[in-house]
């Protein structure tokens, strides 16, 4: 699954266009490297998102094409 879509489906970022813009601006890192929106997310990847003053790190636990609001938080673990 593409990185921008994963960020949207897991509800780390609300909109896919915002996720895409964050990737293009270099604000999203995967495993310590700046990642493009087209990066293929794998289980075990460590994603670091820097938006404004906030900087959060996540570990990918599962990849689902669709997720309900209640299940979205099960897709990652906050580090």
PDB file of N, CA and C in Angstrom:
ATOM      1  N   UNK A   1       0.841  -1.179   0.000  1.00  0.00           N
ATOM      2  CA  UNK A   1       0.000   0.000   0.000  1.00  0.00           C
ATOM      3  C   UNK A   1       0.885   1.241   0.000  1.00  0.00           C
ATOM      4  N   UNK A   2       0.478   2.240  -0.755  1.00  0.00           N
ATOM      5  CA  UNK A   2       1.230   3.494  -0.815  1.00  0.00           C
ATOM      6  C   UNK A   2       1.234   4.178   0.547  1.00  0.00           C
ATOM      7  N   UNK A   3       2.297   4.915   0.811  1.00  0.00           N
ATOM      8  CA  UNK A   3       2.457   5.599   2.094  1.00  0.00           C
ATOM      9  C   UNK A   3       1.343   6.603   2.345  1.00  0.00           C
ATOM     10  N   UNK A   4       1.003   7.419   1.349  1.00  0.00           N
ATOM     11  CA  UNK A   4      -0.036   8.431   1.555  1.00  0.00           C
ATOM     12  C   UNK A   4      -1.388   7.779   1.857  1.00  0.00           C
ATOM     13  N   UNK A   5      -1.685   6.674   1.200  1.00  0.00           N
ATOM     14  CA  UNK A   5      -2.949   5.980   1.465  1.00  0.00           C
ATOM     15  C   UNK A   5      -2.932   5.346   2.853  1.00  0.00           C
ATOM     16  N   UNK A   6      -1.805   4.772   3.262  1.00  0.00           N
ATOM     17  CA  UNK A   6      -1.705   4.175   4.596  1.00  0.00           C
ATOM     18  C   UNK A   6      -1.936   5.230   5.681  1.00  0.00           C
ATOM     19  N   UNK A   7      -1.327   6.401   5.527  1.00  0.00           N
ATOM     20  CA  UNK A   7      -1.497   7.470   6.512  1.00  0.00           C
ATOM     21  C   UNK A   7      -2.955   7.888   6.630  1.00  0.00           C
ATOM     22  N   UNK A   8      -3.678   7.874   5.510  1.00  0.00           N
ATOM     23  CA  UNK A   8      -5.081   8.257   5.504  1.00  0.00           C
ATOM     24  C   UNK A   8      -5.955   7.154   6.094  1.00  0.00           C
ATOM     25  N   UNK A   9      -5.768   5.905   5.657  1.00  0.00           N
ATOM     26  CA  UNK A   9      -6.602   4.796   6.118  1.00  0.00           C
ATOM     27  C   UNK A   9      -6.417   4.562   7.618  1.00  0.00           C
ATOM     28  N   UNK A  10      -5.189   4.692   8.101  1.00  0.00           N
ATOM     29  CA  UNK A  10      -4.919   4.488   9.526  1.00  0.00           C
ATOM     30  C   UNK A  10      -5.309   5.707  10.362  1.00  0.00           C
ATOM     31  N   UNK A  11      -5.703   6.778   9.687  1.00  0.00           N
ATOM     32  CA  UNK A  11      -6.136   8.025  10.320  1.00  0.00           C
ATOM     33  C   UNK A  11      -5.017   8.719  11.100  1.00  0.00           C
ATOM     34  N   UNK A  12      -3.778   8.500  10.682  1.00  0.00           N
ATOM     35  CA  UNK A  12      -2.661   9.270  11.239  1.00  0.00           C
ATOM     36  C   UNK A  12      -2.762  10.696  10.706  1.00  0.00           C
ATOM     37  N   UNK A  13      -3.107  10.820   9.410  1.00  0.00           N
ATOM     38  CA  UNK A  13      -3.385  12.106   8.774  1.00  0.00           C
ATOM     39  C   UNK A  13      -4.785  12.017   8.186  1.00  0.00           C
ATOM     40  N   UNK A  14      -5.588  13.072   8.350  1.00  0.00           N
ATOM     41  CA  UNK A  14      -7.007  13.002   7.992  1.00  0.00           C
ATOM     42  C   UNK A  14      -7.285  12.848   6.498  1.00  0.00           C
ATOM     43  N   UNK A  15      -6.530  13.546   5.661  1.00  0.00           N
ATOM     44  CA  UNK A  15      -6.822  13.527   4.220  1.00  0.00           C
ATOM     45  C   UNK A  15      -5.614  13.034   3.436  1.00  0.00           C
ATOM     46  N   UNK A  16      -5.892  12.306   2.360  1.00  0.00           N
ATOM     47  CA  UNK A  16      -4.811  11.757   1.544  1.00  0.00           C
ATOM     48  C   UNK A  16      -4.018  12.870   0.858  1.00  0.00           C
ATOM     49  N   UNK A  17      -4.682  13.936   0.455  1.00  0.00           N
ATOM     50  CA  UNK A  17      -3.953  15.039  -0.192  1.00  0.00           C
ATOM     51  C   UNK A  17      -2.993  15.701   0.787  1.00  0.00           C
ATOM     52  N   UNK A  18      -3.400  15.818   2.055  1.00  0.00           N
ATOM     53  CA  UNK A  18      -2.518  16.380   3.077  1.00  0.00           C
ATOM     54  C   UNK A  18      -1.336  15.447   3.306  1.00  0.00           C
ATOM     55  N   UNK A  19      -1.593  14.143   3.327  1.00  0.00           N
ATOM     56  CA  UNK A  19      -0.521  13.158   3.487  1.00  0.00           C
ATOM     57  C   UNK A  19       0.449  13.235   2.313  1.00  0.00           C
ATOM     58  N   UNK A  20      -0.088  13.387   1.108  1.00  0.00           N
ATOM     59  CA  UNK A  20       0.737  13.494  -0.099  1.00  0.00           C
ATOM     60  C   UNK A  20       1.605  14.747  -0.042  1.00  0.00           C
ATOM     61  N   UNK A  21       1.037  15.874   0.368  1.00  0.00           N
ATOM     62  CA  UNK A  21       1.784  17.127   0.474  1.00  0.00           C
ATOM     63  C   UNK A  21       2.865  17.045   1.555  1.00  0.00           C
ATOM     64  N   UNK A  22       2.559  16.378   2.670  1.00  0.00           N
ATOM     65  CA  UNK A  22       3.544  16.216   3.743  1.00  0.00           C
ATOM     66  C   UNK A  22       4.729  15.391   3.254  1.00  0.00           C
ATOM     67  N   UNK A  23       4.461  14.353   2.475  1.00  0.00           N
ATOM     68  CA  UNK A  23       5.538  13.527   1.911  1.00  0.00           C
ATOM     69  C   UNK A  23       6.382  14.350   0.943  1.00  0.00           C
ATOM     70  N   UNK A  24       5.730  15.120   0.090  1.00  0.00           N
ATOM     71  CA  UNK A  24       6.449  15.942  -0.886  1.00  0.00           C
ATOM     72  C   UNK A  24       7.317  16.997  -0.204  1.00  0.00           C
ATOM     73  N   UNK A  25       6.877  17.486   0.965  1.00  0.00           N
ATOM     74  CA  UNK A  25       7.621  18.514   1.688  1.00  0.00           C
ATOM     75  C   UNK A  25       8.740  17.926   2.549  1.00  0.00           C
ATOM     76  N   UNK A  26       8.863  16.593   2.568  1.00  0.00           N
ATOM     77  CA  UNK A  26       9.924  15.954   3.340  1.00  0.00           C
ATOM     78  C   UNK A  26       9.633  15.849   4.822  1.00  0.00           C
ATOM     79  N   UNK A  27       8.373  15.901   5.202  1.00  0.00           N
ATOM     80  CA  UNK A  27       7.992  15.852   6.615  1.00  0.00           C
ATOM     81  C   UNK A  27       7.688  14.440   7.102  1.00  0.00           C
ATOM     82  N   UNK A  28       7.777  13.446   6.204  1.00  0.00           N
ATOM     83  CA  UNK A  28       7.500  12.058   6.570  1.00  0.00           C
ATOM     84  C   UNK A  28       8.746  11.225   6.297  1.00  0.00           C
ATOM     85  N   UNK A  29       9.202  10.501   7.314  1.00  0.00           N
ATOM     86  CA  UNK A  29      10.355   9.620   7.174  1.00  0.00           C
ATOM     87  C   UNK A  29       9.931   8.184   7.443  1.00  0.00           C
ATOM     88  N   UNK A  30      10.503   7.260   6.704  1.00  0.00           N
ATOM     89  CA  UNK A  30      10.279   5.840   6.947  1.00  0.00           C
ATOM     90  C   UNK A  30      11.637   5.196   7.178  1.00  0.00           C
ATOM     91  N   UNK A  31      11.786   4.566   8.323  1.00  0.00           N
ATOM     92  CA  UNK A  31      13.043   3.918   8.708  1.00  0.00           C
ATOM     93  C   UNK A  31      14.234   4.876   8.618  1.00  0.00           C
ATOM     94  N   UNK A  32      14.015   6.130   9.022  1.00  0.00           N
ATOM     95  CA  UNK A  32      15.092   7.108   9.078  1.00  0.00           C
ATOM     96  C   UNK A  32      15.406   7.828   7.783  1.00  0.00           C
ATOM     97  N   UNK A  33      14.659   7.555   6.703  1.00  0.00           N
ATOM     98  CA  UNK A  33      14.903   8.223   5.418  1.00  0.00           C
ATOM     99  C   UNK A  33      13.641   8.942   4.980  1.00  0.00           C
ATOM    100  N   UNK A  34      13.803  10.112   4.381  1.00  0.00           N
ATOM    101  CA  UNK A  34      12.660  10.848   3.853  1.00  0.00           C
ATOM    102  C   UNK A  34      12.010   9.995   2.770  1.00  0.00           C
ATOM    103  N   UNK A  35      10.686   9.840   2.867  1.00  0.00           N
ATOM    104  CA  UNK A  35       9.971   8.944   1.958  1.00  0.00           C
ATOM    105  C   UNK A  35       9.018   9.707   1.056  1.00  0.00           C
ATOM    106  N   UNK A  36       8.858   9.196  -0.154  1.00  0.00           N
ATOM    107  CA  UNK A  36       7.895   9.759  -1.098  1.00  0.00           C
ATOM    108  C   UNK A  36       6.527   9.146  -0.834  1.00  0.00           C
ATOM    109  N   UNK A  37       5.482   9.786  -1.351  1.00  0.00           N
ATOM    110  CA  UNK A  37       4.114   9.302  -1.159  1.00  0.00           C
ATOM    111  C   UNK A  37       3.919   7.927  -1.791  1.00  0.00           C
ATOM    112  N   UNK A  38       4.704   7.596  -2.788  1.00  0.00           N
ATOM    113  CA  UNK A  38       4.551   6.324  -3.493  1.00  0.00           C
ATOM    114  C   UNK A  38       5.293   5.171  -2.817  1.00  0.00           C
ATOM    115  N   UNK A  39       5.951   5.416  -1.688  1.00  0.00           N
ATOM    116  CA  UNK A  39       6.682   4.372  -0.973  1.00  0.00           C
ATOM    117  C   UNK A  39       5.726   3.237  -0.600  1.00  0.00           C
ATOM    118  N   UNK A  40       6.147   1.991  -0.781  1.00  0.00           N
ATOM    119  CA  UNK A  40       5.333   0.825  -0.469  1.00  0.00           C
ATOM    120  C   UNK A  40       5.536   0.441   1.001  1.00  0.00           C
ATOM    121  N   UNK A  41       4.516   0.669   1.819  1.00  0.00           N
ATOM    122  CA  UNK A  41       4.597   0.422   3.262  1.00  0.00           C
ATOM    123  C   UNK A  41       4.592  -1.080   3.536  1.00  0.00           C
ATOM    124  N   UNK A  42       5.467  -1.501   4.464  1.00  0.00           N
ATOM    125  CA  UNK A  42       5.539  -2.898   4.867  1.00  0.00           C
ATOM    126  C   UNK A  42       5.371  -2.996   6.385  1.00  0.00           C
ATOM    127  N   UNK A  43       4.929  -4.157   6.846  1.00  0.00           N
ATOM    128  CA  UNK A  43       4.775  -4.379   8.289  1.00  0.00           C
ATOM    129  C   UNK A  43       6.155  -4.288   8.936  1.00  0.00           C
ATOM    130  N   UNK A  44       6.235  -3.557  10.040  1.00  0.00           N
ATOM    131  CA  UNK A  44       7.497  -3.375  10.748  1.00  0.00           C
ATOM    132  C   UNK A  44       8.183  -2.059  10.436  1.00  0.00           C
ATOM    133  N   UNK A  45       7.713  -1.336   9.407  1.00  0.00           N
ATOM    134  CA  UNK A  45       8.291  -0.033   9.081  1.00  0.00           C
ATOM    135  C   UNK A  45       8.056   0.946  10.227  1.00  0.00           C
ATOM    136  N   UNK A  46       9.007   1.848  10.418  1.00  0.00           N
ATOM    137  CA  UNK A  46       8.876   2.898  11.426  1.00  0.00           C
ATOM    138  C   UNK A  46       8.656   4.223  10.679  1.00  0.00           C
ATOM    139  N   UNK A  47       7.518   4.839  10.920  1.00  0.00           N
ATOM    140  CA  UNK A  47       7.131   6.069  10.232  1.00  0.00           C
ATOM    141  C   UNK A  47       7.213   7.230  11.210  1.00  0.00           C
ATOM    142  N   UNK A  48       7.906   8.296  10.807  1.00  0.00           N
ATOM    143  CA  UNK A  48       8.027   9.505  11.627  1.00  0.00           C
ATOM    144  C   UNK A  48       7.348  10.640  10.862  1.00  0.00           C
ATOM    145  N   UNK A  49       6.357  11.260  11.497  1.00  0.00           N
ATOM    146  CA  UNK A  49       5.585  12.336  10.869  1.00  0.00           C
ATOM    147  C   UNK A  49       5.831  13.621  11.650  1.00  0.00           C
ATOM    148  N   UNK A  50       6.259  14.683  10.960  1.00  0.00           N
ATOM    149  CA  UNK A  50       6.504  15.983  11.579  1.00  0.00           C
ATOM    150  C   UNK A  50       5.572  17.008  10.951  1.00  0.00           C
ATOM    151  N   UNK A  51       4.544  17.390  11.685  1.00  0.00           N
ATOM    152  CA  UNK A  51       3.603  18.407  11.214  1.00  0.00           C
ATOM    153  C   UNK A  51       3.563  19.537  12.237  1.00  0.00           C
ATOM    154  N   UNK A  52       3.953  20.721  11.822  1.00  0.00           N
ATOM    155  CA  UNK A  52       3.990  21.856  12.743  1.00  0.00           C
ATOM    156  C   UNK A  52       4.976  21.598  13.863  1.00  0.00           C
ATOM    157  N   UNK A  53       4.528  21.778  15.093  1.00  0.00           N
ATOM    158  CA  UNK A  53       5.363  21.537  16.270  1.00  0.00           C
ATOM    159  C   UNK A  53       5.379  20.061  16.670  1.00  0.00           C
ATOM    160  N   UNK A  54       4.400  19.298  16.154  1.00  0.00           N
ATOM    161  CA  UNK A  54       4.249  17.896  16.547  1.00  0.00           C
ATOM    162  C   UNK A  54       5.153  16.986  15.745  1.00  0.00           C
ATOM    163  N   UNK A  55       5.749  16.027  16.441  1.00  0.00           N
ATOM    164  CA  UNK A  55       6.576  15.017  15.797  1.00  0.00           C
ATOM    165  C   UNK A  55       6.250  13.685  16.465  1.00  0.00           C
ATOM    166  N   UNK A  56       5.730  12.745  15.683  1.00  0.00           N
ATOM    167  CA  UNK A  56       5.329  11.452  16.228  1.00  0.00           C
ATOM    168  C   UNK A  56       5.958  10.332  15.428  1.00  0.00           C
ATOM    169  N   UNK A  57       6.227   9.215  16.115  1.00  0.00           N
ATOM    170  CA  UNK A  57       6.773   8.022  15.478  1.00  0.00           C
ATOM    171  C   UNK A  57       5.786   6.873  15.641  1.00  0.00           C
ATOM    172  N   UNK A  58       5.613   6.095  14.578  1.00  0.00           N
ATOM    173  CA  UNK A  58       4.691   4.981  14.567  1.00  0.00           C
ATOM    174  C   UNK A  58       5.388   3.748  14.013  1.00  0.00           C
ATOM    175  N   UNK A  59       4.951   2.573  14.472  1.00  0.00           N
ATOM    176  CA  UNK A  59       5.413   1.317  13.906  1.00  0.00           C
ATOM    177  C   UNK A  59       4.220   0.652  13.244  1.00  0.00           C
ATOM    178  N   UNK A  60       4.377   0.208  12.001  1.00  0.00           N
ATOM    179  CA  UNK A  60       3.302  -0.411  11.245  1.00  0.00           C
ATOM    180  C   UNK A  60       3.098  -1.836  11.767  1.00  0.00           C
ATOM    181  N   UNK A  61       1.876  -2.133  12.224  1.00  0.00           N
ATOM    182  CA  UNK A  61       1.550  -3.470  12.732  1.00  0.00           C
ATOM    183  C   UNK A  61       0.763  -4.284  11.718  1.00  0.00           C
ATOM    184  N   UNK A  62      -0.126  -3.631  10.980  1.00  0.00           N
ATOM    185  CA  UNK A  62      -0.892  -4.320   9.949  1.00  0.00           C
ATOM    186  C   UNK A  62      -1.275  -3.349   8.854  1.00  0.00           C
ATOM    187  N   UNK A  63      -1.599  -3.919   7.691  1.00  0.00           N
ATOM    188  CA  UNK A  63      -1.959  -3.110   6.530  1.00  0.00           C
ATOM    189  C   UNK A  63      -3.320  -3.574   6.038  1.00  0.00           C
ATOM    190  N   UNK A  64      -4.315  -2.691   6.096  1.00  0.00           N
ATOM    191  CA  UNK A  64      -5.672  -2.988   5.633  1.00  0.00           C
ATOM    192  C   UNK A  64      -6.064  -1.957   4.582  1.00  0.00           C
ATOM    193  N   UNK A  65      -6.758  -2.408   3.551  1.00  0.00           N
ATOM    194  CA  UNK A  65      -7.218  -1.480   2.512  1.00  0.00           C
ATOM    195  C   UNK A  65      -8.280  -0.525   3.050  1.00  0.00           C
ATOM    196  N   UNK A  66      -9.108  -1.018   3.975  1.00  0.00           N
ATOM    197  CA  UNK A  66     -10.158  -0.203   4.581  1.00  0.00           C
ATOM    198  C   UNK A  66     -10.142  -0.448   6.083  1.00  0.00           C
ATOM    199  N   UNK A  67     -10.441   0.571   6.853  1.00  0.00           N
ATOM    200  CA  UNK A  67     -10.499   0.410   8.299  1.00  0.00           C
ATOM    201  C   UNK A  67     -11.571   1.330   8.862  1.00  0.00           C
ATOM    202  N   UNK A  68     -12.352   0.790   9.767  1.00  0.00           N
ATOM    203  CA  UNK A  68     -13.329   1.614  10.463  1.00  0.00           C
ATOM    204  C   UNK A  68     -12.598   2.469  11.489  1.00  0.00           C
ATOM    205  N   UNK A  69     -13.263   3.510  11.937  1.00  0.00           N
ATOM    206  CA  UNK A  69     -12.651   4.425  12.900  1.00  0.00           C
ATOM    207  C   UNK A  69     -12.172   3.684  14.151  1.00  0.00           C
ATOM    208  N   UNK A  70     -12.961   2.703  14.601  1.00  0.00           N
ATOM    209  CA  UNK A  70     -12.616   1.960  15.810  1.00  0.00           C
ATOM    210  C   UNK A  70     -11.387   1.070  15.604  1.00  0.00           C
ATOM    211  N   UNK A  71     -11.196   0.573  14.373  1.00  0.00           N
ATOM    212  CA  UNK A  71     -10.111  -0.372  14.088  1.00  0.00           C
ATOM    213  C   UNK A  71      -8.847   0.285  13.549  1.00  0.00           C
ATOM    214  N   UNK A  72      -8.912   1.563  13.220  1.00  0.00           N
ATOM    215  CA  UNK A  72      -7.776   2.234  12.584  1.00  0.00           C
ATOM    216  C   UNK A  72      -6.550   2.265  13.503  1.00  0.00           C
ATOM    217  N   UNK A  73      -6.751   2.432  14.785  1.00  0.00           N
ATOM    218  CA  UNK A  73      -5.622   2.521  15.723  1.00  0.00           C
ATOM    219  C   UNK A  73      -4.900   1.186  15.889  1.00  0.00           C
ATOM    220  N   UNK A  74      -5.521   0.085  15.482  1.00  0.00           N
ATOM    221  CA  UNK A  74      -4.885  -1.235  15.565  1.00  0.00           C
ATOM    222  C   UNK A  74      -3.840  -1.433  14.476  1.00  0.00           C
ATOM    223  N   UNK A  75      -3.812  -0.550  13.489  1.00  0.00           N
ATOM    224  CA  UNK A  75      -2.882  -0.691  12.367  1.00  0.00           C
ATOM    225  C   UNK A  75      -1.477  -0.239  12.706  1.00  0.00           C
ATOM    226  N   UNK A  76      -1.296   0.496  13.806  1.00  0.00           N
ATOM    227  CA  UNK A  76       0.016   1.020  14.162  1.00  0.00           C
ATOM    228  C   UNK A  76       0.186   1.066  15.674  1.00  0.00           C
ATOM    229  N   UNK A  77       1.431   1.251  16.079  1.00  0.00           N
ATOM    230  CA  UNK A  77       1.751   1.432  17.504  1.00  0.00           C
ATOM    231  C   UNK A  77       2.571   2.710  17.605  1.00  0.00           C
ATOM    232  N   UNK A  78       2.205   3.584  18.546  1.00  0.00           N
ATOM    233  CA  UNK A  78       2.956   4.821  18.758  1.00  0.00           C
ATOM    234  C   UNK A  78       4.233   4.488  19.527  1.00  0.00           C
ATOM    235  N   UNK A  79       5.348   4.970  19.004  1.00  0.00           N
ATOM    236  CA  UNK A  79       6.648   4.704  19.636  1.00  0.00           C
ATOM    237  C   UNK A  79       7.049   5.914  20.465  1.00  0.00           C
TER     238      UNK A  79
END
